[in-house]
N, C-alpha and C. Protein backbone atom coordinates (compact mmCIF):
# COMPACT_ATOMS: atom_id res chain seq x y z
N UNK A 1 -100.62 -0.77 -135.58
CA UNK A 1 -100.21 -0.29 -137.19
C UNK A 1 -98.89 -0.51 -136.32
N UNK A 2 -98.04 -1.11 -136.98
CA UNK A 2 -96.70 -1.26 -136.60
C UNK A 2 -96.09 -0.61 -137.19
N UNK A 3 -94.95 0.09 -135.67
CA UNK A 3 -93.56 0.36 -136.15
C UNK A 3 -92.50 0.20 -136.11
N UNK A 4 -91.62 -0.36 -136.96
CA UNK A 4 -90.26 -0.05 -137.60
C UNK A 4 -89.13 0.91 -136.70
N UNK A 5 -88.49 1.35 -136.71
CA UNK A 5 -87.68 1.81 -135.68
C UNK A 5 -85.78 1.29 -135.79
N UNK A 6 -85.03 1.46 -136.78
CA UNK A 6 -84.53 0.96 -136.38
C UNK A 6 -82.73 2.32 -135.88
N UNK A 7 -81.66 1.87 -135.59
CA UNK A 7 -81.04 3.14 -135.37
C UNK A 7 -79.43 1.66 -135.56
N UNK A 8 -78.70 2.50 -135.40
CA UNK A 8 -76.96 1.63 -134.71
C UNK A 8 -75.88 2.56 -136.46
N UNK A 9 -76.47 2.27 -137.56
CA UNK A 9 -75.59 2.62 -138.51
C UNK A 9 -74.84 3.66 -138.18
N UNK A 10 -73.71 3.74 -138.82
CA UNK A 10 -72.55 4.61 -139.29
C UNK A 10 -71.71 3.98 -139.90
N UNK A 11 -70.29 5.29 -139.35
CA UNK A 11 -69.02 4.72 -140.67
C UNK A 11 -68.15 3.90 -140.61
N UNK A 12 -67.56 3.08 -140.86
CA UNK A 12 -66.76 1.68 -140.54
C UNK A 12 -65.72 1.64 -141.12
N UNK A 13 -64.44 1.17 -140.93
CA UNK A 13 -63.79 0.79 -141.39
C UNK A 13 -63.30 -0.83 -141.76
N UNK A 14 -63.65 -0.94 -142.67
CA UNK A 14 -62.74 -2.67 -143.24
C UNK A 14 -62.25 -3.50 -141.89
N UNK A 15 -62.94 -4.36 -141.23
CA UNK A 15 -63.35 -5.24 -140.51
C UNK A 15 -63.71 -4.93 -139.13
N UNK A 16 -63.99 -3.46 -139.52
CA UNK A 16 -64.81 -3.41 -138.49
C UNK A 16 -66.15 -3.89 -138.38
N UNK A 17 -66.87 -3.66 -136.54
CA UNK A 17 -68.61 -4.24 -136.06
C UNK A 17 -69.21 -2.72 -136.64
N UNK A 18 -70.89 -3.19 -136.37
CA UNK A 18 -71.69 -2.72 -135.67
C UNK A 18 -72.34 -3.84 -135.20
N UNK A 19 -74.07 -3.20 -134.32
CA UNK A 19 -74.43 -3.89 -134.41
C UNK A 19 -75.80 -2.75 -134.12
N UNK A 20 -76.75 -3.33 -134.72
CA UNK A 20 -78.26 -2.90 -135.11
C UNK A 20 -78.94 -2.97 -135.07
N UNK A 21 -79.47 -2.28 -134.95
CA UNK A 21 -80.90 -2.23 -133.35
C UNK A 21 -82.84 -2.06 -134.45
N UNK A 22 -83.20 -2.29 -134.03
CA UNK A 22 -84.75 -2.13 -134.33
C UNK A 22 -85.81 -2.38 -133.38
N UNK A 23 -86.73 -1.37 -132.78
CA UNK A 23 -87.64 -1.12 -131.93
C UNK A 23 -88.72 -0.84 -132.54
N UNK A 24 -89.66 -2.02 -131.64
CA UNK A 24 -91.04 -2.60 -133.04
C UNK A 24 -91.90 -2.55 -131.88
N UNK A 25 -92.52 -1.66 -132.37
CA UNK A 25 -94.52 -1.14 -131.61
C UNK A 25 -95.10 -1.85 -132.45
N UNK A 26 -96.53 -1.99 -131.87
CA UNK A 26 -97.95 -1.40 -132.52
C UNK A 26 -98.01 -2.73 -133.05
N UNK A 27 -97.87 -4.69 -133.30
CA UNK A 27 -97.68 -5.61 -133.62
C UNK A 27 -98.57 -6.74 -132.43
N UNK A 28 -99.82 -6.98 -132.57
CA UNK A 28 -100.27 -8.35 -131.28
C UNK A 28 -99.80 -9.84 -131.08
N UNK A 29 -99.93 -9.64 -132.65
CA UNK A 29 -99.86 -10.92 -133.66
C UNK A 29 -98.64 -11.88 -133.06
N UNK A 30 -99.02 -13.01 -132.30
CA UNK A 30 -98.33 -13.76 -131.36
C UNK A 30 -96.52 -15.21 -132.84
N UNK A 31 -97.06 -14.74 -133.87
CA UNK A 31 -96.31 -15.91 -134.65
C UNK A 31 -96.02 -14.30 -135.96
N UNK A 32 -94.41 -14.14 -135.85
CA UNK A 32 -93.89 -13.26 -136.85
C UNK A 32 -93.32 -13.83 -137.34
N UNK A 33 -92.56 -12.99 -138.24
CA UNK A 33 -91.22 -12.89 -138.81
C UNK A 33 -90.50 -11.59 -139.04
N UNK A 34 -89.20 -11.87 -138.92
CA UNK A 34 -88.09 -10.25 -138.84
C UNK A 34 -86.89 -10.87 -138.99
N UNK A 35 -86.93 -9.41 -140.09
CA UNK A 35 -86.19 -9.60 -140.91
C UNK A 35 -85.51 -8.01 -141.36
N UNK A 36 -84.30 -8.32 -141.17
CA UNK A 36 -83.45 -7.25 -141.54
C UNK A 36 -82.55 -7.11 -143.56
N UNK A 37 -83.25 -6.77 -144.02
CA UNK A 37 -82.88 -6.24 -145.54
C UNK A 37 -81.68 -5.28 -145.71
N UNK A 38 -80.95 -5.17 -146.93
CA UNK A 38 -80.14 -4.17 -146.90
C UNK A 38 -80.37 -3.59 -149.15
N UNK A 39 -80.38 -2.27 -149.36
CA UNK A 39 -80.11 -1.97 -150.37
C UNK A 39 -78.87 -1.23 -150.70
N UNK A 40 -78.40 -1.51 -151.77
CA UNK A 40 -77.00 -0.28 -152.16
C UNK A 40 -77.48 0.22 -152.96
N UNK A 41 -77.83 2.11 -153.21
CA UNK A 41 -77.43 2.09 -154.48
C UNK A 41 -77.18 1.31 -155.56
N UNK A 42 -78.65 1.54 -156.23
CA UNK A 42 -78.55 1.14 -157.91
C UNK A 42 -78.50 -0.50 -157.92
N UNK A 43 -78.76 -0.90 -157.26
CA UNK A 43 -78.47 -3.05 -156.61
C UNK A 43 -80.93 -3.03 -155.74
N UNK A 44 -80.77 -3.83 -156.02
CA UNK A 44 -82.24 -4.29 -155.55
C UNK A 44 -82.02 -4.44 -154.02
N UNK A 45 -82.92 -4.81 -153.29
CA UNK A 45 -83.22 -4.62 -151.48
C UNK A 45 -82.98 -6.79 -151.99
N UNK A 46 -81.59 -6.85 -150.65
CA UNK A 46 -81.58 -8.53 -150.65
C UNK A 46 -81.20 -8.38 -149.18
N UNK A 47 -81.76 -9.91 -149.27
CA UNK A 47 -82.14 -10.80 -147.31
C UNK A 47 -80.54 -10.57 -147.24
N UNK A 48 -80.52 -9.91 -145.40
CA UNK A 48 -79.45 -10.31 -144.96
C UNK A 48 -79.74 -11.47 -143.83
N UNK A 49 -80.89 -11.36 -143.05
CA UNK A 49 -81.10 -12.47 -141.76
C UNK A 49 -82.27 -12.77 -141.77
N UNK A 50 -83.45 -13.95 -141.26
CA UNK A 50 -84.34 -13.83 -140.42
C UNK A 50 -84.88 -14.58 -139.09
N UNK A 51 -85.56 -14.20 -138.77
CA UNK A 51 -85.96 -14.87 -137.49
C UNK A 51 -87.13 -15.45 -136.92
N UNK A 52 -87.59 -16.24 -136.96
CA UNK A 52 -88.56 -17.07 -136.61
C UNK A 52 -89.49 -16.74 -135.28
N UNK A 53 -90.79 -16.22 -135.28
CA UNK A 53 -91.41 -15.56 -133.16
C UNK A 53 -91.72 -17.37 -133.07
N UNK A 54 -91.97 -18.09 -133.73
CA UNK A 54 -92.71 -19.48 -134.19
C UNK A 54 -91.44 -19.66 -133.22
N UNK A 55 -90.48 -20.78 -133.62
CA UNK A 55 -89.57 -21.74 -132.71
C UNK A 55 -87.87 -21.34 -133.13
N UNK A 56 -87.58 -19.93 -133.13
CA UNK A 56 -86.38 -19.14 -133.47
C UNK A 56 -85.53 -19.06 -134.06
N UNK A 57 -86.35 -20.14 -135.40
CA UNK A 57 -85.60 -20.47 -135.92
C UNK A 57 -85.17 -19.50 -136.74
N UNK A 58 -83.92 -19.19 -137.41
CA UNK A 58 -82.78 -18.23 -138.14
C UNK A 58 -82.82 -18.55 -139.57
N UNK A 59 -82.29 -17.68 -140.99
CA UNK A 59 -81.35 -18.02 -141.87
C UNK A 59 -80.60 -16.87 -142.47
N UNK A 60 -79.73 -17.05 -143.06
CA UNK A 60 -78.12 -16.65 -143.25
C UNK A 60 -78.78 -15.57 -144.67
N UNK A 61 -78.01 -14.99 -145.37
CA UNK A 61 -78.24 -14.67 -147.07
C UNK A 61 -76.72 -15.11 -146.73
N UNK A 62 -76.38 -16.00 -147.67
CA UNK A 62 -74.65 -16.77 -147.98
C UNK A 62 -73.62 -15.68 -148.31
N UNK A 63 -74.23 -14.46 -148.60
CA UNK A 63 -72.67 -13.33 -148.42
C UNK A 63 -72.92 -12.83 -147.47
N UNK A 64 -73.22 -13.26 -146.62
CA UNK A 64 -72.90 -12.41 -144.78
C UNK A 64 -72.85 -13.83 -143.93
N UNK A 65 -73.13 -14.86 -144.18
CA UNK A 65 -73.28 -15.97 -142.90
C UNK A 65 -71.91 -15.84 -142.17
N UNK A 66 -71.64 -16.24 -141.46
CA UNK A 66 -70.78 -16.73 -140.01
C UNK A 66 -70.36 -14.49 -140.24
N UNK A 67 -70.52 -14.26 -141.03
CA UNK A 67 -69.73 -12.38 -139.84
C UNK A 67 -71.58 -12.13 -139.48
N UNK A 68 -72.61 -11.80 -139.54
CA UNK A 68 -73.99 -11.44 -139.21
C UNK A 68 -74.29 -12.37 -138.23
N UNK A 69 -75.30 -12.56 -136.75
CA UNK A 69 -76.09 -13.12 -136.04
C UNK A 69 -77.22 -11.75 -136.08
N UNK A 70 -78.78 -12.32 -136.68
CA UNK A 70 -79.31 -11.99 -135.30
C UNK A 70 -80.34 -12.48 -134.44
N UNK A 71 -81.07 -11.45 -133.82
CA UNK A 71 -80.50 -11.77 -132.26
C UNK A 71 -82.69 -10.22 -131.68
N UNK A 72 -83.04 -11.20 -130.87
CA UNK A 72 -83.79 -10.60 -130.43
C UNK A 72 -84.03 -10.52 -128.99
N UNK A 73 -84.54 -9.04 -128.74
CA UNK A 73 -84.95 -9.43 -126.95
C UNK A 73 -86.70 -9.11 -126.71
N UNK A 74 -87.29 -9.67 -126.41
CA UNK A 74 -88.43 -9.28 -125.96
C UNK A 74 -89.43 -9.26 -125.24
N UNK A 75 -88.30 -8.11 -124.48
CA UNK A 75 -89.00 -7.76 -123.26
C UNK A 75 -88.86 -6.51 -123.81
N UNK A 76 -87.49 -6.09 -124.82
CA UNK A 76 -87.54 -5.26 -125.59
C UNK A 76 -88.55 -4.64 -126.54
N UNK A 77 -88.70 -6.01 -127.12
CA UNK A 77 -89.48 -5.99 -128.35
C UNK A 77 -88.45 -4.95 -129.71
N UNK A 78 -87.28 -5.25 -129.62
CA UNK A 78 -86.12 -4.94 -130.14
C UNK A 78 -84.84 -6.18 -130.82
N UNK A 79 -85.72 -6.04 -132.14
CA UNK A 79 -84.33 -6.98 -132.74
C UNK A 79 -82.87 -6.37 -132.97
N UNK A 80 -81.67 -6.77 -132.91
CA UNK A 80 -80.52 -7.16 -133.56
C UNK A 80 -80.40 -7.66 -134.53
N UNK A 81 -79.38 -6.79 -135.03
CA UNK A 81 -78.42 -7.40 -136.59
C UNK A 81 -76.87 -7.41 -136.07
N UNK A 82 -76.25 -7.65 -135.59
CA UNK A 82 -75.13 -7.90 -135.26
C UNK A 82 -73.60 -8.07 -136.26
N UNK A 83 -73.53 -6.71 -136.71
CA UNK A 83 -71.93 -7.28 -138.30
C UNK A 83 -71.06 -6.85 -137.83
N UNK A 84 -70.12 -8.09 -137.64
CA UNK A 84 -68.64 -7.96 -137.83
C UNK A 84 -68.29 -8.28 -139.40
N UNK A 85 -66.43 -7.60 -139.70
CA UNK A 85 -65.60 -8.69 -140.46
C UNK A 85 -66.80 -7.63 -141.89
N UNK A 86 -66.68 -6.53 -141.27
CA UNK A 86 -67.41 -5.07 -142.10
C UNK A 86 -66.53 -5.18 -143.48
N UNK A 87 -67.24 -5.31 -145.04
CA UNK A 87 -66.64 -4.67 -146.15
C UNK A 87 -67.42 -4.15 -146.54
N UNK A 88 -66.06 -3.11 -147.55
CA UNK A 88 -66.87 -2.50 -148.31
C UNK A 88 -67.58 -2.67 -149.50
N UNK A 89 -68.11 -4.16 -149.29
CA UNK A 89 -69.52 -4.36 -150.35
C UNK A 89 -70.84 -4.33 -149.13
N UNK A 90 -69.94 -4.73 -148.01
CA UNK A 90 -71.64 -4.28 -147.57
C UNK A 90 -72.12 -2.97 -147.45
N UNK A 91 -71.42 -1.75 -147.62
CA UNK A 91 -72.35 -0.57 -147.76
C UNK A 91 -73.91 -0.84 -148.09
N UNK A 92 -74.72 -0.46 -147.66
CA UNK A 92 -75.57 -0.13 -147.88
C UNK A 92 -76.42 0.85 -147.08
N UNK A 93 -78.34 0.92 -147.34
CA UNK A 93 -79.45 1.37 -146.72
C UNK A 93 -80.05 -0.04 -146.04
N UNK A 94 -79.36 -0.11 -144.39
CA UNK A 94 -80.21 -1.70 -143.90
C UNK A 94 -81.78 -1.69 -143.77
N UNK A 95 -82.10 -2.27 -143.63
CA UNK A 95 -84.17 -1.89 -143.42
C UNK A 95 -84.08 -3.54 -142.03
N UNK A 96 -85.25 -2.82 -141.33
CA UNK A 96 -85.84 -3.91 -140.80
C UNK A 96 -87.27 -3.85 -141.38
N UNK A 97 -87.68 -5.75 -140.85
CA UNK A 97 -88.73 -5.82 -141.87
C UNK A 97 -89.38 -6.21 -140.81
N UNK A 98 -91.20 -7.38 -141.43
CA UNK A 98 -92.04 -7.67 -140.14
C UNK A 98 -92.97 -8.19 -140.75
N UNK A 99 -93.13 -9.90 -141.35
CA UNK A 99 -94.08 -11.18 -141.67
C UNK A 99 -94.88 -11.45 -140.98
N UNK A 100 -95.68 -12.00 -141.48
CA UNK A 100 -96.86 -12.96 -140.91
C UNK A 100 -96.77 -14.55 -141.47
N UNK A 101 -96.23 -14.85 -139.69
CA UNK A 101 -96.70 -16.34 -140.45
C UNK A 101 -97.60 -16.56 -139.65
N UNK A 102 -98.02 -18.42 -140.10
CA UNK A 102 -99.27 -18.99 -139.82
C UNK A 102 -98.47 -19.80 -139.80
N UNK A 103 -99.71 -20.72 -138.85
CA UNK A 103 -99.22 -21.99 -138.29
C UNK A 103 -99.07 -22.85 -140.01
N UNK A 104 -99.54 -22.90 -141.07
CA UNK A 104 -98.29 -23.21 -142.28
C UNK A 104 -96.73 -22.74 -142.72
N UNK A 105 -96.98 -22.01 -142.60
CA UNK A 105 -95.53 -20.99 -142.85
C UNK A 105 -94.76 -20.79 -141.95
N UNK A 106 -94.05 -21.42 -140.61
CA UNK A 106 -93.94 -21.34 -139.46
C UNK A 106 -92.50 -20.77 -139.68
N UNK A 107 -91.82 -21.01 -140.56
CA UNK A 107 -90.50 -20.56 -140.91
C UNK A 107 -90.47 -18.98 -141.44
N UNK A 108 -89.32 -18.49 -141.64
CA UNK A 108 -89.22 -16.51 -142.24
C UNK A 108 -88.47 -17.79 -143.78
N UNK A 109 -88.56 -16.55 -144.09
CA UNK A 109 -87.45 -16.22 -145.94
C UNK A 109 -86.96 -14.70 -146.04
N UNK A 110 -86.05 -14.58 -146.62
CA UNK A 110 -85.88 -13.15 -147.21
C UNK A 110 -86.14 -13.16 -148.24
N UNK A 111 -87.46 -13.43 -149.03
CA UNK A 111 -87.88 -12.57 -149.34
C UNK A 111 -89.20 -10.93 -149.27
N UNK A 112 -88.35 -10.06 -149.55
CA UNK A 112 -89.14 -8.65 -149.25
C UNK A 112 -90.35 -8.94 -149.58
N UNK A 113 -91.41 -9.93 -150.44
CA UNK A 113 -92.83 -9.94 -150.19
C UNK A 113 -93.05 -10.39 -149.48
N UNK A 114 -92.70 -11.13 -148.38
CA UNK A 114 -92.82 -12.23 -147.71
C UNK A 114 -93.22 -10.77 -145.82
N UNK A 115 -92.41 -9.29 -146.18
CA UNK A 115 -92.78 -8.47 -145.03
C UNK A 115 -93.77 -7.44 -145.41
N UNK A 116 -94.85 -6.95 -144.74
CA UNK A 116 -95.38 -5.92 -145.21
C UNK A 116 -94.82 -5.07 -144.75
N UNK A 117 -93.77 -4.04 -142.94
CA UNK A 117 -94.31 -3.38 -142.51
C UNK A 117 -92.15 -3.26 -142.08
N UNK A 118 -92.36 -2.03 -142.90
CA UNK A 118 -90.64 -1.40 -142.98
C UNK A 118 -90.75 -0.94 -141.91
N UNK A 119 -88.89 -0.23 -141.93
CA UNK A 119 -88.58 0.41 -141.28
C UNK A 119 -88.12 1.95 -142.64
N UNK A 120 -87.81 2.81 -141.31
CA UNK A 120 -87.06 3.74 -142.62
C UNK A 120 -84.94 2.94 -142.52
N UNK A 121 -84.76 2.18 -142.41
CA UNK A 121 -83.65 2.02 -143.16
C UNK A 121 -82.81 3.00 -142.02
N UNK A 122 -81.47 2.74 -141.96
CA UNK A 122 -80.18 2.52 -140.74
C UNK A 122 -78.97 2.38 -142.24
N UNK A 123 -77.77 4.07 -142.49
CA UNK A 123 -77.30 4.04 -143.26
C UNK A 123 -75.82 3.44 -142.93
N UNK A 124 -75.51 2.15 -143.63
CA UNK A 124 -74.14 1.94 -143.00
C UNK A 124 -72.79 2.23 -143.94
N UNK A 125 -71.55 2.08 -143.35
CA UNK A 125 -70.88 2.89 -144.76
C UNK A 125 -69.20 2.15 -144.07
N UNK A 126 -69.29 1.41 -145.16
CA UNK A 126 -67.72 0.69 -144.67
C UNK A 126 -66.75 0.85 -145.50
N UNK A 127 -65.91 1.65 -145.26
CA UNK A 127 -64.55 2.62 -146.34
C UNK A 127 -63.77 2.78 -144.93
N UNK A 128 -62.15 2.67 -146.23
CA UNK A 128 -61.09 2.86 -145.38
C UNK A 128 -61.14 4.07 -145.60
């Protein structure tokens, strides 16, 4: 059973940075997609960024492109999300998620429906 544990959230001022971590365990599939989503109060969950283990390709939401970087450390089974230039509208609970890929579907998406395993989330608050 896949387990995902996020950490690294906190409260920062506008313009600040945070690095979120997602420690993964229990997965055996060689090809998978790992992604970060966020959900603000009263809003739907939205995809931020994802990465394919098949070829390392990545995808970013338009709202964060240029301010966010996804990366992973295979030796540590950990995925990171570097958040820079944070804005108050970035305030949300950030979730890590993992989904399966196949020989047909080798790239990741930002569709929550494509991800079957989720972490518990970590709060990011951006306020002056």
